[in-house]
Amino acid sequence: MLDFIIAKYNFWIYVVLMMIGLFAMLAKRNLVKKLIGMNIFQTAIILYYVSIGVKKGKVHVPILVGAHGHGEHLFKAADYLNPLPHVLMLTAIVVSIATTGVALAVLILIYRRYNTLNEDEIIELRQAEQEAEV
């Protein structure tokens, strides 16, 4: 059992990172800390998917120069890395950056309106606003 845990240490690191991010999103009351937790969570998932696309002892995707389809260049797909997880994670990184940028802009607007980023205080101020409207 210990050998299995040591052999898969990178996966345990991803799990720890995911749990840190999840804890920050659920337990913290400051909205900036929640956003940082979300980024840690996203990073752990991206690292996990990049790691599952790697095969030990394999080479990158073949580029056959001068191959005309006559069968002289035979290769097995299992001998090469799968580029799909890496390509998809590049897209996920872009989405993560865009999400963070929009979230920071929203946090700036929230701070300008309520002068705080504490979730409990914002809820109380919002309830007071709604009661004043009625």
Protein backbone atom coordinates (compact mmCIF):
# COMPACT_ATOMS: atom_id res chain seq x y z
CA MET A 1 0.00 0.00 0.00
CA LEU A 2 2.79 2.39 0.88
CA ASP A 3 4.48 1.64 -2.45
CA PHE A 4 1.26 2.59 -4.26
CA ILE A 5 1.04 5.89 -2.37
CA ILE A 6 4.67 6.73 -3.07
CA ALA A 7 4.38 5.73 -6.74
CA LYS A 8 1.41 8.05 -7.25
CA TYR A 9 2.70 10.99 -5.20
CA ASN A 10 1.77 13.50 -7.91
CA PHE A 11 -1.89 12.50 -7.71
CA TRP A 12 -1.85 12.97 -3.94
CA ILE A 13 -0.46 16.46 -4.47
CA TYR A 14 -3.36 17.23 -6.83
CA VAL A 15 -5.87 15.95 -4.27
CA VAL A 16 -4.30 18.12 -1.54
CA LEU A 17 -4.39 21.17 -3.81
CA MET A 18 -8.02 20.50 -4.71
CA MET A 19 -8.97 20.18 -1.04
CA ILE A 20 -7.16 23.43 -0.19
CA GLY A 21 -9.05 25.21 -2.97
CA LEU A 22 -12.38 23.66 -1.98
CA PHE A 23 -11.83 24.59 1.66
CA ALA A 24 -11.05 28.19 0.71
CA MET A 25 -14.18 28.44 -1.43
CA LEU A 26 -16.48 27.00 1.23
CA ALA A 27 -15.04 28.17 4.54
CA LYS A 28 -13.62 31.63 3.90
CA ARG A 29 -15.82 34.71 4.16
CA ASN A 30 -13.62 37.12 2.18
CA LEU A 31 -14.53 37.09 -1.51
CA VAL A 32 -10.91 37.54 -2.64
CA LYS A 33 -9.91 34.46 -0.64
CA LYS A 34 -12.76 32.54 -2.27
CA LEU A 35 -11.46 33.59 -5.69
CA ILE A 36 -7.93 32.47 -4.80
CA GLY A 37 -9.39 29.14 -3.64
CA MET A 38 -11.17 28.77 -6.97
CA ASN A 39 -7.90 29.40 -8.82
CA ILE A 40 -6.06 26.81 -6.70
CA PHE A 41 -8.84 24.30 -7.43
CA GLN A 42 -8.68 24.99 -11.18
CA THR A 43 -4.90 24.69 -11.17
CA ALA A 44 -5.05 21.30 -9.46
CA ILE A 45 -7.48 20.01 -12.08
CA ILE A 46 -5.35 21.34 -14.94
CA LEU A 47 -2.21 19.72 -13.50
CA TYR A 48 -4.08 16.43 -13.11
CA TYR A 49 -5.22 16.35 -16.73
CA VAL A 50 -1.79 17.29 -18.03
CA SER A 51 -0.24 14.48 -16.00
CA ILE A 52 -2.62 11.81 -17.29
CA GLY A 53 -1.60 12.65 -20.86
CA VAL A 54 2.00 11.62 -20.21
CA LYS A 55 3.32 8.11 -20.80
CA LYS A 56 6.73 7.04 -19.50
CA GLY A 57 9.21 6.12 -22.19
CA LYS A 58 7.06 7.43 -25.03
CA VAL A 59 7.89 10.13 -27.54
CA HIS A 60 5.93 13.07 -28.85
CA VAL A 61 3.43 12.86 -31.66
CA PRO A 62 5.13 11.66 -34.86
CA ILE A 63 5.70 14.05 -37.70
CA LEU A 64 6.42 12.03 -40.80
CA VAL A 65 8.38 14.06 -43.32
CA GLY A 66 8.12 12.82 -46.88
CA ALA A 67 5.57 10.10 -46.12
CA HIS A 68 3.31 9.52 -49.09
CA GLY A 69 1.06 6.86 -47.62
CA HIS A 70 2.86 3.88 -49.18
CA GLY A 71 3.08 2.04 -45.85
CA GLU A 72 6.83 2.44 -45.35
CA HIS A 73 6.29 4.39 -42.11
CA LEU A 74 4.35 2.12 -39.79
CA PHE A 75 3.82 3.25 -36.24
CA LYS A 76 1.56 2.36 -33.34
CA ALA A 77 -0.46 5.09 -31.64
CA ALA A 78 0.32 3.52 -28.25
CA ASP A 79 4.00 4.42 -28.73
CA TYR A 80 3.32 8.16 -28.72
CA LEU A 81 1.99 10.76 -26.31
CA ASN A 82 -1.61 11.83 -26.49
CA PRO A 83 -1.66 15.59 -27.18
CA LEU A 84 -5.39 16.03 -26.55
CA PRO A 85 -5.25 16.55 -22.74
CA HIS A 86 -2.53 19.17 -23.15
CA VAL A 87 -4.41 21.04 -25.85
CA LEU A 88 -7.64 21.00 -23.85
CA MET A 89 -5.83 22.28 -20.77
CA LEU A 90 -4.46 25.22 -22.75
CA THR A 91 -8.09 26.13 -23.40
CA ALA A 92 -8.88 25.63 -19.71
CA ILE A 93 -6.04 27.97 -18.74
CA VAL A 94 -7.43 30.68 -21.00
CA VAL A 95 -10.91 30.21 -19.53
CA SER A 96 -9.44 30.33 -16.02
CA ILE A 97 -7.67 33.61 -16.72
CA ALA A 98 -10.82 35.11 -18.23
CA THR A 99 -12.92 33.94 -15.27
CA THR A 100 -10.44 35.43 -12.83
CA GLY A 101 -10.41 38.74 -14.68
CA VAL A 102 -14.19 39.01 -14.71
CA ALA A 103 -14.39 37.97 -11.05
CA LEU A 104 -11.85 40.64 -10.07
CA ALA A 105 -13.85 43.28 -11.96
CA VAL A 106 -17.02 42.20 -10.15
CA LEU A 107 -15.19 42.29 -6.81
CA ILE A 108 -14.09 45.86 -7.51
CA LEU A 109 -17.71 46.84 -8.19
CA ILE A 110 -18.87 45.09 -5.02
CA TYR A 111 -16.23 46.87 -2.97
CA ARG A 112 -17.16 50.26 -4.43
CA ARG A 113 -20.82 49.69 -3.55
CA TYR A 114 -20.52 48.10 -0.09
CA ASN A 115 -16.98 49.14 1.05
CA THR A 116 -16.27 45.56 2.12
CA LEU A 117 -15.50 42.18 0.63
CA ASN A 118 -16.74 40.18 3.62
CA GLU A 119 -19.61 37.98 2.49
CA ASP A 120 -21.59 38.25 5.76
CA GLU A 121 -21.40 42.03 5.81
CA ILE A 122 -22.46 42.27 2.17
CA ILE A 123 -25.50 40.05 2.86
CA GLU A 124 -26.48 42.21 5.85
CA LEU A 125 -26.08 45.42 3.85
CA ARG A 126 -28.07 43.96 0.96
CA GLN A 127 -30.90 42.90 3.28
CA ALA A 128 -30.94 46.41 4.80
CA GLU A 129 -31.18 47.87 1.28
CA GLN A 130 -34.10 45.59 0.42
CA GLU A 131 -35.92 46.46 3.65
CA ALA A 132 -35.43 50.16 2.97
CA GLU A 133 -36.95 49.77 -0.49
CA VAL A 134 -40.12 48.18 0.91
